[in-house]
Amino acid sequence: MGAKAQGATTDRYMTIPRVLVFPFNDDGQILLLKGAPDKRVWAGLWNGIGGHVEKGESVIEAARRELFEETGLSAACWTLCGQVSVDTGSQTGIGFFVFRAEQLTGKLTESVEG
């Protein structure tokens, strides 16, 4: 079904989907990413792991991809904790899908994100 048939028009609010992941180790510690100093947003600030949902990708697929790309880690247990809508002051807002990731495996690595 096309966008018009679903009521998506330029006079309605639209959102860009993003994911935000908070990985927990077995001791309950949370892994946060410190933004690289040259990042356009969140430079030098601590945040969860995340990014955009790519076209054709589900939010859980995006969360898994972002966790691996930004940390080198994978998680066996995922919990959707909530959704956050961000009003950007324009017609296009941002919708965050917030996840908790547990049972981590892999080798923790740095990325260009931080």
C-alpha atoms as a PDB file:
ATOM      1  CA  MET A   1       0.000   0.000   0.000  1.00  0.00           C
ATOM      2  CA  GLY A   2       1.404   3.366  -0.980  1.00  0.00           C
ATOM      3  CA  ALA A   3       2.085   6.319   1.302  1.00  0.00           C
ATOM      4  CA  LYS A   4      -0.904   8.309   0.014  1.00  0.00           C
ATOM      5  CA  ALA A   5      -3.320   5.415   0.643  1.00  0.00           C
ATOM      6  CA  GLN A   6      -2.046   5.266   4.219  1.00  0.00           C
ATOM      7  CA  GLY A   7      -2.686   8.974   4.781  1.00  0.00           C
ATOM      8  CA  ALA A   8       0.961  10.070   4.668  1.00  0.00           C
ATOM      9  CA  THR A   9       0.895  13.633   3.380  1.00  0.00           C
ATOM     10  CA  THR A  10       3.149  16.644   3.698  1.00  0.00           C
ATOM     11  CA  ASP A  11       0.729  18.308   6.130  1.00  0.00           C
ATOM     12  CA  ARG A  12       1.153  15.515   8.713  1.00  0.00           C
ATOM     13  CA  TYR A  13       3.944  14.866  11.168  1.00  0.00           C
ATOM     14  CA  MET A  14       6.428  12.159  10.059  1.00  0.00           C
ATOM     15  CA  THR A  15       9.274  10.461  11.944  1.00  0.00           C
ATOM     16  CA  ILE A  16      12.685   9.095  11.071  1.00  0.00           C
ATOM     17  CA  PRO A  17      13.172   5.732  12.845  1.00  0.00           C
ATOM     18  CA  ARG A  18      16.327   5.211  14.897  1.00  0.00           C
ATOM     19  CA  VAL A  19      17.480   2.676  17.469  1.00  0.00           C
ATOM     20  CA  LEU A  20      19.221   3.155  20.798  1.00  0.00           C
ATOM     21  CA  VAL A  21      20.827   0.137  22.475  1.00  0.00           C
ATOM     22  CA  PHE A  22      22.024  -0.212  26.055  1.00  0.00           C
ATOM     23  CA  PRO A  23      24.195  -3.359  26.315  1.00  0.00           C
ATOM     24  CA  PHE A  24      24.475  -4.938  29.788  1.00  0.00           C
ATOM     25  CA  ASN A  25      27.181  -7.405  30.771  1.00  0.00           C
ATOM     26  CA  ASP A  26      26.615 -10.305  33.176  1.00  0.00           C
ATOM     27  CA  ASP A  27      27.519  -8.068  36.157  1.00  0.00           C
ATOM     28  CA  GLY A  28      24.788  -5.543  35.239  1.00  0.00           C
ATOM     29  CA  GLN A  29      27.225  -2.924  33.960  1.00  0.00           C
ATOM     30  CA  ILE A  30      26.096  -0.822  30.987  1.00  0.00           C
ATOM     31  CA  LEU A  31      28.344  -0.141  28.015  1.00  0.00           C
ATOM     32  CA  LEU A  32      28.119   3.469  26.817  1.00  0.00           C
ATOM     33  CA  LEU A  33      29.828   5.062  23.840  1.00  0.00           C
ATOM     34  CA  LYS A  34      31.700   8.356  24.162  1.00  0.00           C
ATOM     35  CA  GLY A  35      31.119  10.231  20.912  1.00  0.00           C
ATOM     36  CA  ALA A  36      34.196  10.923  18.805  1.00  0.00           C
ATOM     37  CA  PRO A  37      35.350  14.558  19.085  1.00  0.00           C
ATOM     38  CA  ASP A  38      34.666  15.191  15.389  1.00  0.00           C
ATOM     39  CA  LYS A  39      31.081  13.843  15.343  1.00  0.00           C
ATOM     40  CA  ARG A  40      28.395  16.203  14.070  1.00  0.00           C
ATOM     41  CA  VAL A  41      26.119  15.383  17.043  1.00  0.00           C
ATOM     42  CA  TRP A  42      26.957  14.078  20.541  1.00  0.00           C
ATOM     43  CA  ALA A  43      30.687  14.871  20.095  1.00  0.00           C
ATOM     44  CA  GLY A  44      32.512  14.034  23.337  1.00  0.00           C
ATOM     45  CA  LEU A  45      29.287  13.013  25.085  1.00  0.00           C
ATOM     46  CA  TRP A  46      28.287   9.629  26.505  1.00  0.00           C
ATOM     47  CA  ASN A  47      25.303   7.846  24.992  1.00  0.00           C
ATOM     48  CA  GLY A  48      23.909   4.430  24.167  1.00  0.00           C
ATOM     49  CA  ILE A  49      24.788   2.614  20.955  1.00  0.00           C
ATOM     50  CA  GLY A  50      22.611   3.324  17.958  1.00  0.00           C
ATOM     51  CA  GLY A  51      21.709   4.949  14.706  1.00  0.00           C
ATOM     52  CA  HIS A  52      19.315   4.987  11.775  1.00  0.00           C
ATOM     53  CA  VAL A  53      17.075   2.168  10.659  1.00  0.00           C
ATOM     54  CA  GLU A  54      17.996   1.460   7.032  1.00  0.00           C
ATOM     55  CA  LYS A  55      15.351   1.013   4.344  1.00  0.00           C
ATOM     56  CA  GLY A  56      13.927  -2.525   4.438  1.00  0.00           C
ATOM     57  CA  GLU A  57      15.424  -3.220   7.875  1.00  0.00           C
ATOM     58  CA  SER A  58      13.368  -3.996  10.992  1.00  0.00           C
ATOM     59  CA  VAL A  59      14.144  -2.118  14.193  1.00  0.00           C
ATOM     60  CA  ILE A  60      15.630  -5.239  15.815  1.00  0.00           C
ATOM     61  CA  GLU A  61      17.813  -5.858  12.748  1.00  0.00           C
ATOM     62  CA  ALA A  62      18.985  -2.239  12.962  1.00  0.00           C
ATOM     63  CA  ALA A  63      19.720  -2.602  16.688  1.00  0.00           C
ATOM     64  CA  ARG A  64      21.764  -5.761  16.100  1.00  0.00           C
ATOM     65  CA  ARG A  65      23.664  -4.157  13.214  1.00  0.00           C
ATOM     66  CA  GLU A  66      24.415  -0.940  15.106  1.00  0.00           C
ATOM     67  CA  LEU A  67      25.614  -2.826  18.198  1.00  0.00           C
ATOM     68  CA  PHE A  68      28.002  -4.901  16.098  1.00  0.00           C
ATOM     69  CA  GLU A  69      29.227  -2.004  13.914  1.00  0.00           C
ATOM     70  CA  GLU A  70      29.907   0.296  16.848  1.00  0.00           C
ATOM     71  CA  THR A  71      31.265  -2.196  19.395  1.00  0.00           C
ATOM     72  CA  GLY A  72      32.131  -5.530  17.737  1.00  0.00           C
ATOM     73  CA  LEU A  73      29.639  -7.213  20.088  1.00  0.00           C
ATOM     74  CA  SER A  74      26.540  -9.336  19.534  1.00  0.00           C
ATOM     75  CA  ALA A  75      23.746 -10.058  22.000  1.00  0.00           C
ATOM     76  CA  ALA A  76      21.626 -13.169  22.457  1.00  0.00           C
ATOM     77  CA  CYS A  77      18.878 -11.510  24.523  1.00  0.00           C
ATOM     78  CA  TRP A  78      17.023  -8.381  23.416  1.00  0.00           C
ATOM     79  CA  THR A  79      14.290  -6.416  25.194  1.00  0.00           C
ATOM     80  CA  LEU A  80      12.377  -3.518  23.676  1.00  0.00           C
ATOM     81  CA  CYS A  81      12.167  -1.091  26.594  1.00  0.00           C
ATOM     82  CA  GLY A  82      10.198   1.695  24.953  1.00  0.00           C
ATOM     83  CA  GLN A  83       9.832   4.247  22.227  1.00  0.00           C
ATOM     84  CA  VAL A  84      10.689   7.933  22.413  1.00  0.00           C
ATOM     85  CA  SER A  85       9.368  10.575  20.028  1.00  0.00           C
ATOM     86  CA  VAL A  86      11.546  13.640  19.541  1.00  0.00           C
ATOM     87  CA  ASP A  87       9.911  16.819  18.304  1.00  0.00           C
ATOM     88  CA  THR A  88      12.558  18.542  16.207  1.00  0.00           C
ATOM     89  CA  GLY A  89      10.514  21.681  15.722  1.00  0.00           C
ATOM     90  CA  SER A  90       9.855  20.770  12.110  1.00  0.00           C
ATOM     91  CA  GLN A  91       7.454  18.457  10.300  1.00  0.00           C
ATOM     92  CA  THR A  92       9.932  15.566  10.458  1.00  0.00           C
ATOM     93  CA  GLY A  93      10.671  14.211  13.917  1.00  0.00           C
ATOM     94  CA  ILE A  94      12.713  11.308  15.225  1.00  0.00           C
ATOM     95  CA  GLY A  95      11.384   8.092  16.740  1.00  0.00           C
ATOM     96  CA  PHE A  96      13.795   6.110  18.919  1.00  0.00           C
ATOM     97  CA  PHE A  97      13.251   2.418  19.660  1.00  0.00           C
ATOM     98  CA  VAL A  98      15.152   1.767  22.902  1.00  0.00           C
ATOM     99  CA  PHE A  99      16.567  -1.718  23.534  1.00  0.00           C
ATOM    100  CA  ARG A 100      18.341  -3.541  26.333  1.00  0.00           C
ATOM    101  CA  ALA A 101      20.886  -6.078  25.017  1.00  0.00           C
ATOM    102  CA  GLU A 102      22.220  -8.910  27.205  1.00  0.00           C
ATOM    103  CA  GLN A 103      24.287 -12.091  26.960  1.00  0.00           C
ATOM    104  CA  LEU A 104      27.011 -10.293  25.031  1.00  0.00           C
ATOM    105  CA  THR A 105      29.616 -12.067  22.918  1.00  0.00           C
ATOM    106  CA  GLY A 106      32.436 -10.883  20.688  1.00  0.00           C
ATOM    107  CA  LYS A 107      35.487  -8.714  21.077  1.00  0.00           C
ATOM    108  CA  LEU A 108      34.892  -5.123  22.190  1.00  0.00           C
ATOM    109  CA  THR A 109      36.406  -2.755  19.611  1.00  0.00           C
ATOM    110  CA  GLU A 110      36.480   0.983  18.993  1.00  0.00           C
ATOM    111  CA  SER A 111      34.701   2.499  16.016  1.00  0.00           C
ATOM    112  CA  VAL A 112      34.664   5.807  14.173  1.00  0.00           C
ATOM    113  CA  GLU A 113      31.563   6.662  16.217  1.00  0.00           C
ATOM    114  CA  GLY A 114      33.588   6.754  19.433  1.00  0.00           C
END
